Amino acid sequence: MSKKTIVELELKKRGYSPAEFAKMFGIGRSTVFDQIYSGKLNAYKVGARTIIPADSVDEWERNNRKQCRC
């Protein structure tokens, strides 16, 4: 596999682990699982792994964005 192909694959990531999602948004993993169990964040299992699809990440961000009065 060429370097270009590896970089392209990383740029087009299709799913995230709960830990990656938590790090992206500065929240805890338990909050991520609360969002999954409450139905506010879509996820699926592959074996023992929980995967959050990239389109679900975008949808969650749109639905949870709040106006900052900083």
N, C-alpha and C. Protein backbone atom coordinates (compact mmCIF):
# COMPACT_ATOMS: atom_id res chain seq x y z
N MET A 1 0.85 -1.18 0.00
CA MET A 1 0.00 0.00 0.00
C MET A 1 0.89 1.24 0.00
N SER A 2 0.60 2.17 -0.88
CA SER A 2 1.43 3.37 -0.97
C SER A 2 1.12 4.33 0.17
N LYS A 3 2.05 5.27 0.41
CA LYS A 3 1.84 6.26 1.46
C LYS A 3 0.61 7.11 1.17
N LYS A 4 0.40 7.45 -0.09
CA LYS A 4 -0.76 8.26 -0.45
C LYS A 4 -2.06 7.56 -0.06
N THR A 5 -2.13 6.28 -0.30
CA THR A 5 -3.32 5.51 0.03
C THR A 5 -3.54 5.48 1.53
N ILE A 6 -2.49 5.31 2.31
CA ILE A 6 -2.61 5.31 3.77
C ILE A 6 -3.12 6.66 4.25
N VAL A 7 -2.59 7.75 3.76
CA VAL A 7 -3.03 9.09 4.15
C VAL A 7 -4.48 9.30 3.76
N GLU A 8 -4.87 8.89 2.57
CA GLU A 8 -6.26 9.03 2.12
C GLU A 8 -7.21 8.26 3.02
N LEU A 9 -6.81 7.07 3.45
CA LEU A 9 -7.65 6.29 4.33
C LEU A 9 -7.83 6.98 5.68
N GLU A 10 -6.76 7.57 6.21
CA GLU A 10 -6.86 8.24 7.49
C GLU A 10 -7.71 9.50 7.39
N LEU A 11 -7.69 10.19 6.27
CA LEU A 11 -8.50 11.39 6.10
C LEU A 11 -9.98 11.05 5.97
N LYS A 12 -10.28 9.86 5.47
CA LYS A 12 -11.66 9.46 5.24
C LYS A 12 -12.09 8.43 6.29
N LYS A 13 -11.82 8.68 7.53
CA LYS A 13 -12.16 7.76 8.59
C LYS A 13 -13.69 7.61 8.66
N ARG A 14 -14.16 6.40 8.75
CA ARG A 14 -15.60 6.15 8.67
C ARG A 14 -16.23 5.89 10.03
N GLY A 15 -15.42 5.65 11.05
CA GLY A 15 -15.97 5.38 12.38
C GLY A 15 -14.96 5.69 13.46
N TYR A 16 -15.46 5.90 14.67
CA TYR A 16 -14.62 6.27 15.81
C TYR A 16 -14.97 5.41 17.01
N SER A 17 -13.99 5.20 17.85
CA SER A 17 -14.24 4.51 19.11
C SER A 17 -14.82 5.52 20.09
N PRO A 18 -15.47 5.05 21.16
CA PRO A 18 -15.97 5.99 22.17
C PRO A 18 -14.85 6.86 22.76
N ALA A 19 -13.65 6.30 22.92
CA ALA A 19 -12.53 7.08 23.46
C ALA A 19 -12.12 8.19 22.49
N GLU A 20 -12.09 7.89 21.19
CA GLU A 20 -11.76 8.92 20.19
C GLU A 20 -12.83 10.01 20.17
N PHE A 21 -14.09 9.60 20.22
CA PHE A 21 -15.20 10.56 20.23
C PHE A 21 -15.10 11.47 21.45
N ALA A 22 -14.85 10.87 22.61
CA ALA A 22 -14.72 11.65 23.85
C ALA A 22 -13.59 12.66 23.75
N LYS A 23 -12.47 12.25 23.20
CA LYS A 23 -11.32 13.14 23.07
C LYS A 23 -11.63 14.29 22.10
N MET A 24 -12.34 13.99 21.00
CA MET A 24 -12.69 15.02 20.01
C MET A 24 -13.51 16.14 20.63
N PHE A 25 -14.43 15.77 21.54
CA PHE A 25 -15.36 16.75 22.08
C PHE A 25 -15.06 17.16 23.52
N GLY A 26 -14.00 16.62 24.09
CA GLY A 26 -13.60 17.00 25.44
C GLY A 26 -14.60 16.55 26.50
N ILE A 27 -15.18 15.37 26.29
CA ILE A 27 -16.12 14.80 27.26
C ILE A 27 -15.60 13.45 27.70
N GLY A 28 -16.19 12.90 28.75
CA GLY A 28 -15.76 11.61 29.26
C GLY A 28 -16.36 10.45 28.51
N ARG A 29 -15.71 9.29 28.57
CA ARG A 29 -16.23 8.10 27.91
C ARG A 29 -17.58 7.70 28.46
N SER A 30 -17.80 7.88 29.76
CA SER A 30 -19.10 7.51 30.34
C SER A 30 -20.21 8.39 29.76
N THR A 31 -19.90 9.66 29.48
CA THR A 31 -20.87 10.54 28.83
C THR A 31 -21.18 10.06 27.42
N VAL A 32 -20.17 9.58 26.72
CA VAL A 32 -20.38 9.04 25.37
C VAL A 32 -21.33 7.85 25.44
N PHE A 33 -21.09 6.93 26.37
CA PHE A 33 -21.97 5.76 26.49
C PHE A 33 -23.37 6.17 26.94
N ASP A 34 -23.50 7.17 27.80
CA ASP A 34 -24.82 7.69 28.17
C ASP A 34 -25.56 8.19 26.93
N GLN A 35 -24.85 8.89 26.04
CA GLN A 35 -25.46 9.40 24.82
C GLN A 35 -25.88 8.25 23.89
N ILE A 36 -25.08 7.20 23.85
CA ILE A 36 -25.41 6.03 23.03
C ILE A 36 -26.65 5.33 23.60
N TYR A 37 -26.63 5.06 24.91
CA TYR A 37 -27.74 4.31 25.54
C TYR A 37 -29.04 5.10 25.52
N SER A 38 -28.97 6.43 25.53
CA SER A 38 -30.19 7.25 25.50
C SER A 38 -30.72 7.43 24.08
N GLY A 39 -29.95 6.95 23.08
CA GLY A 39 -30.39 7.05 21.70
C GLY A 39 -30.03 8.36 21.03
N LYS A 40 -29.25 9.19 21.69
CA LYS A 40 -28.85 10.48 21.12
C LYS A 40 -27.64 10.37 20.21
N LEU A 41 -26.94 9.24 20.27
CA LEU A 41 -25.76 9.00 19.46
C LEU A 41 -25.82 7.58 18.92
N ASN A 42 -25.77 7.43 17.62
CA ASN A 42 -25.83 6.11 17.00
C ASN A 42 -24.47 5.43 17.08
N ALA A 43 -24.51 4.13 17.34
CA ALA A 43 -23.29 3.32 17.40
C ALA A 43 -23.67 1.88 17.10
N TYR A 44 -22.68 1.08 16.77
CA TYR A 44 -22.91 -0.34 16.56
C TYR A 44 -21.71 -1.12 17.08
N LYS A 45 -21.92 -2.41 17.28
CA LYS A 45 -20.87 -3.27 17.81
C LYS A 45 -20.27 -4.10 16.68
N VAL A 46 -18.96 -4.26 16.73
CA VAL A 46 -18.24 -5.21 15.88
C VAL A 46 -17.43 -6.05 16.85
N GLY A 47 -17.92 -7.24 17.11
CA GLY A 47 -17.32 -8.05 18.15
C GLY A 47 -17.50 -7.34 19.48
N ALA A 48 -16.40 -7.09 20.16
CA ALA A 48 -16.46 -6.40 21.45
C ALA A 48 -16.32 -4.88 21.31
N ARG A 49 -16.00 -4.43 20.09
CA ARG A 49 -15.75 -3.00 19.87
C ARG A 49 -17.03 -2.24 19.59
N THR A 50 -17.11 -1.02 20.10
CA THR A 50 -18.21 -0.11 19.80
C THR A 50 -17.70 0.90 18.79
N ILE A 51 -18.43 1.06 17.69
CA ILE A 51 -18.04 1.96 16.62
C ILE A 51 -19.11 3.03 16.46
N ILE A 52 -18.68 4.28 16.41
CA ILE A 52 -19.58 5.41 16.17
C ILE A 52 -19.31 5.88 14.74
N PRO A 53 -20.28 5.72 13.84
CA PRO A 53 -20.07 6.12 12.44
C PRO A 53 -19.82 7.63 12.32
N ALA A 54 -18.99 7.99 11.34
CA ALA A 54 -18.63 9.40 11.14
C ALA A 54 -19.86 10.28 10.91
N ASP A 55 -20.86 9.79 10.17
CA ASP A 55 -22.05 10.61 9.94
C ASP A 55 -22.84 10.82 11.23
N SER A 56 -22.77 9.87 12.17
CA SER A 56 -23.42 10.05 13.46
C SER A 56 -22.70 11.10 14.30
N VAL A 57 -21.39 11.18 14.13
CA VAL A 57 -20.61 12.21 14.83
C VAL A 57 -21.06 13.59 14.37
N ASP A 58 -21.19 13.76 13.05
CA ASP A 58 -21.62 15.05 12.50
C ASP A 58 -23.03 15.40 12.96
N GLU A 59 -23.92 14.42 12.95
CA GLU A 59 -25.31 14.65 13.37
C GLU A 59 -25.38 15.02 14.85
N TRP A 60 -24.62 14.30 15.70
CA TRP A 60 -24.60 14.58 17.12
C TRP A 60 -24.09 16.00 17.39
N GLU A 61 -23.04 16.39 16.67
CA GLU A 61 -22.49 17.73 16.85
C GLU A 61 -23.52 18.79 16.48
N ARG A 62 -24.23 18.64 15.36
CA ARG A 62 -25.26 19.59 14.96
C ARG A 62 -26.37 19.69 16.00
N ASN A 63 -26.80 18.54 16.52
CA ASN A 63 -27.91 18.50 17.48
C ASN A 63 -27.53 18.99 18.87
N ASN A 64 -26.25 19.00 19.19
CA ASN A 64 -25.81 19.37 20.55
C ASN A 64 -25.03 20.67 20.61
N ARG A 65 -24.98 21.37 19.51
CA ARG A 65 -24.29 22.65 19.48
C ARG A 65 -25.16 23.69 20.18
N LYS A 66 -24.59 24.41 21.10
CA LYS A 66 -25.32 25.45 21.82
C LYS A 66 -24.61 26.79 21.63
N GLN A 67 -25.39 27.82 21.64
CA GLN A 67 -24.84 29.17 21.48
C GLN A 67 -24.04 29.53 22.72
N CYS A 68 -22.84 29.99 22.50
CA CYS A 68 -21.97 30.42 23.60
C CYS A 68 -22.14 31.92 23.81
N ARG A 69 -22.37 32.31 25.03
CA ARG A 69 -22.50 33.74 25.35
C ARG A 69 -21.23 34.19 26.08
N CYS A 70 -20.12 33.99 25.41
CA CYS A 70 -18.81 34.27 26.01
C CYS A 70 -18.47 35.75 25.90
